[in-house]
Amino acid sequence: MDPAELIAALPERVYYLTSTGRDMWCRRPYGFFFSSSDAAARFAAEMSELELQPIGVSARELVSEDGIAALRRLDVSRVFIDPQRDPQSGDVFGTILRIGTGSRGPTD
């Protein structure tokens, strides 16, 4: 998926979880993006005992060179979009986007 396709697949504003007000909470190699603040808050309550808060950013910002570089610095290579948690197994499921390792874009 090239950056234009990725932007088209995401809502205009994307939410992620943070405990610091800036840094994205993740479970390497997975990151988690949400289409609403409410969905992010529900997932946080199910997944972590940390005090995580949703923060919204422009989807364009997330798939910019700086955004992709930030994901790579966190060792995030896959991002769930609107993930859900299976209450029986605790497994997380949903659409996953692969963040590439090359220099051209998010899915090299």
C-alpha atoms as a PDB file:
ATOM      1  CA  MET A   1       0.000   0.000   0.000  1.00  0.00           C
ATOM      2  CA  ASP A   2       1.524   3.326  -1.000  1.00  0.00           C
ATOM      3  CA  PRO A   3       1.088   6.483   1.134  1.00  0.00           C
ATOM      4  CA  ALA A   4      -1.852   7.781  -0.952  1.00  0.00           C
ATOM      5  CA  GLU A   5      -3.710   4.456  -0.575  1.00  0.00           C
ATOM      6  CA  LEU A   6      -2.920   4.398   3.128  1.00  0.00           C
ATOM      7  CA  ILE A   7      -4.295   7.904   3.639  1.00  0.00           C
ATOM      8  CA  ALA A   8      -7.438   6.927   1.718  1.00  0.00           C
ATOM      9  CA  ALA A   9      -7.884   3.869   3.980  1.00  0.00           C
ATOM     10  CA  LEU A  10      -7.661   5.930   7.175  1.00  0.00           C
ATOM     11  CA  PRO A  11     -10.125   8.459   8.542  1.00  0.00           C
ATOM     12  CA  GLU A  12      -9.017  12.083   8.331  1.00  0.00           C
ATOM     13  CA  ARG A  13      -8.207  12.061  12.056  1.00  0.00           C
ATOM     14  CA  VAL A  14      -6.603   9.005  13.640  1.00  0.00           C
ATOM     15  CA  TYR A  15      -6.300   8.337  17.358  1.00  0.00           C
ATOM     16  CA  TYR A  16      -3.606   6.471  19.224  1.00  0.00           C
ATOM     17  CA  LEU A  17      -3.033   5.799  22.915  1.00  0.00           C
ATOM     18  CA  THR A  18      -0.492   7.590  25.069  1.00  0.00           C
ATOM     19  CA  SER A  19       0.491   7.709  28.711  1.00  0.00           C
ATOM     20  CA  THR A  20       2.686  10.793  28.270  1.00  0.00           C
ATOM     21  CA  GLY A  21       0.459  12.986  26.127  1.00  0.00           C
ATOM     22  CA  ARG A  22       2.738  12.529  23.124  1.00  0.00           C
ATOM     23  CA  ASP A  23       4.495   9.153  22.799  1.00  0.00           C
ATOM     24  CA  MET A  24       2.457   6.339  21.274  1.00  0.00           C
ATOM     25  CA  TRP A  25       1.766   3.325  23.472  1.00  0.00           C
ATOM     26  CA  CYS A  26       2.512   0.124  21.573  1.00  0.00           C
ATOM     27  CA  ARG A  27       3.251  -3.542  22.031  1.00  0.00           C
ATOM     28  CA  ARG A  28       6.189  -4.086  19.745  1.00  0.00           C
ATOM     29  CA  PRO A  29       6.035  -4.868  16.904  1.00  0.00           C
ATOM     30  CA  TYR A  30       2.389  -3.706  16.978  1.00  0.00           C
ATOM     31  CA  GLY A  31       0.977  -0.203  17.109  1.00  0.00           C
ATOM     32  CA  PHE A  32      -2.720   0.638  17.379  1.00  0.00           C
ATOM     33  CA  PHE A  33      -4.694   3.307  15.487  1.00  0.00           C
ATOM     34  CA  PHE A  34      -8.371   4.090  16.017  1.00  0.00           C
ATOM     35  CA  SER A  35     -11.025   5.940  14.055  1.00  0.00           C
ATOM     36  CA  SER A  36     -12.529   7.500  17.210  1.00  0.00           C
ATOM     37  CA  SER A  37     -11.465   8.626  20.641  1.00  0.00           C
ATOM     38  CA  ASP A  38     -14.156   6.418  22.206  1.00  0.00           C
ATOM     39  CA  ALA A  39     -12.872   3.288  20.443  1.00  0.00           C
ATOM     40  CA  ALA A  40      -9.342   4.054  21.627  1.00  0.00           C
ATOM     41  CA  ALA A  41     -10.492   4.605  25.222  1.00  0.00           C
ATOM     42  CA  ARG A  42     -12.448   1.313  25.251  1.00  0.00           C
ATOM     43  CA  PHE A  43      -9.454  -0.598  23.931  1.00  0.00           C
ATOM     44  CA  ALA A  44      -7.175   1.031  26.523  1.00  0.00           C
ATOM     45  CA  ALA A  45      -9.467  -0.058  29.347  1.00  0.00           C
ATOM     46  CA  GLU A  46      -9.410  -3.648  28.041  1.00  0.00           C
ATOM     47  CA  MET A  47      -5.685  -3.884  27.301  1.00  0.00           C
ATOM     48  CA  SER A  48      -3.705  -2.109  29.956  1.00  0.00           C
ATOM     49  CA  GLU A  49      -3.580  -1.190  33.593  1.00  0.00           C
ATOM     50  CA  LEU A  50      -1.736   1.972  32.603  1.00  0.00           C
ATOM     51  CA  GLU A  51      -3.569   5.270  32.456  1.00  0.00           C
ATOM     52  CA  LEU A  52      -3.719   5.619  28.680  1.00  0.00           C
ATOM     53  CA  GLN A  53      -5.439   8.505  26.953  1.00  0.00           C
ATOM     54  CA  PRO A  54      -6.402   8.811  23.289  1.00  0.00           C
ATOM     55  CA  ILE A  55      -4.802  11.567  21.271  1.00  0.00           C
ATOM     56  CA  GLY A  56      -5.929  12.504  17.756  1.00  0.00           C
ATOM     57  CA  VAL A  57      -3.660  13.461  14.875  1.00  0.00           C
ATOM     58  CA  SER A  58      -4.074  13.998  11.165  1.00  0.00           C
ATOM     59  CA  ALA A  59      -3.743  10.780   9.144  1.00  0.00           C
ATOM     60  CA  ARG A  60      -1.474  12.698   6.768  1.00  0.00           C
ATOM     61  CA  GLU A  61       0.867  13.431   9.672  1.00  0.00           C
ATOM     62  CA  LEU A  62       1.032   9.745  10.598  1.00  0.00           C
ATOM     63  CA  VAL A  63       2.043   8.631   7.113  1.00  0.00           C
ATOM     64  CA  SER A  64       4.517  11.455   6.536  1.00  0.00           C
ATOM     65  CA  GLU A  65       8.239  10.669   6.459  1.00  0.00           C
ATOM     66  CA  ASP A  66       8.511  11.906  10.056  1.00  0.00           C
ATOM     67  CA  GLY A  67       5.526   9.817  11.166  1.00  0.00           C
ATOM     68  CA  ILE A  68       6.872   6.637   9.584  1.00  0.00           C
ATOM     69  CA  ALA A  69      10.322   7.344  11.058  1.00  0.00           C
ATOM     70  CA  ALA A  70       8.746   7.713  14.509  1.00  0.00           C
ATOM     71  CA  LEU A  71       7.021   4.332  14.150  1.00  0.00           C
ATOM     72  CA  ARG A  72      10.317   2.760  13.123  1.00  0.00           C
ATOM     73  CA  ARG A  73      12.080   4.283  16.157  1.00  0.00           C
ATOM     74  CA  LEU A  74       9.464   2.535  18.304  1.00  0.00           C
ATOM     75  CA  ASP A  75      10.207  -0.738  16.441  1.00  0.00           C
ATOM     76  CA  VAL A  76       6.597  -0.801  15.199  1.00  0.00           C
ATOM     77  CA  SER A  77       6.333  -2.771  11.964  1.00  0.00           C
ATOM     78  CA  ARG A  78       2.585  -3.525  12.009  1.00  0.00           C
ATOM     79  CA  VAL A  79      -0.334  -1.299  12.921  1.00  0.00           C
ATOM     80  CA  PHE A  80      -3.799  -2.487  13.882  1.00  0.00           C
ATOM     81  CA  ILE A  81      -6.635  -0.272  12.662  1.00  0.00           C
ATOM     82  CA  ASP A  82      -9.609  -0.240  15.084  1.00  0.00           C
ATOM     83  CA  PRO A  83      -8.472  -3.425  16.828  1.00  0.00           C
ATOM     84  CA  GLN A  84     -10.737  -5.465  19.027  1.00  0.00           C
ATOM     85  CA  ARG A  85      -9.942  -7.857  21.849  1.00  0.00           C
ATOM     86  CA  ASP A  86     -11.482 -11.315  22.077  1.00  0.00           C
ATOM     87  CA  PRO A  87     -12.938 -11.527  25.605  1.00  0.00           C
ATOM     88  CA  GLN A  88     -12.371 -15.310  25.813  1.00  0.00           C
ATOM     89  CA  SER A  89      -8.791 -15.601  24.582  1.00  0.00           C
ATOM     90  CA  GLY A  90      -7.548 -12.043  25.072  1.00  0.00           C
ATOM     91  CA  ASP A  91      -6.230 -12.080  21.498  1.00  0.00           C
ATOM     92  CA  VAL A  92      -6.279  -8.843  19.531  1.00  0.00           C
ATOM     93  CA  PHE A  93      -7.712  -8.977  16.028  1.00  0.00           C
ATOM     94  CA  GLY A  94      -8.568  -6.629  13.188  1.00  0.00           C
ATOM     95  CA  THR A  95      -7.089  -5.049  10.098  1.00  0.00           C
ATOM     96  CA  ILE A  96      -3.292  -4.837  10.180  1.00  0.00           C
ATOM     97  CA  LEU A  97      -1.171  -2.545   8.010  1.00  0.00           C
ATOM     98  CA  ARG A  98       2.476  -3.469   7.522  1.00  0.00           C
ATOM     99  CA  ILE A  99       5.024  -0.685   7.909  1.00  0.00           C
ATOM    100  CA  GLY A 100       7.874  -1.365   5.497  1.00  0.00           C
ATOM    101  CA  THR A 101      11.548  -1.248   6.330  1.00  0.00           C
ATOM    102  CA  GLY A 102      12.719   0.631   3.244  1.00  0.00           C
ATOM    103  CA  SER A 103      13.141   4.337   2.751  1.00  0.00           C
ATOM    104  CA  ARG A 104      10.438   4.987   0.127  1.00  0.00           C
ATOM    105  CA  GLY A 105       7.293   4.778   2.233  1.00  0.00           C
ATOM    106  CA  PRO A 106       5.225   2.968   4.838  1.00  0.00           C
ATOM    107  CA  THR A 107       4.936  -0.407   3.074  1.00  0.00           C
ATOM    108  CA  ASP A 108       8.213  -1.003   1.224  1.00  0.00           C
END
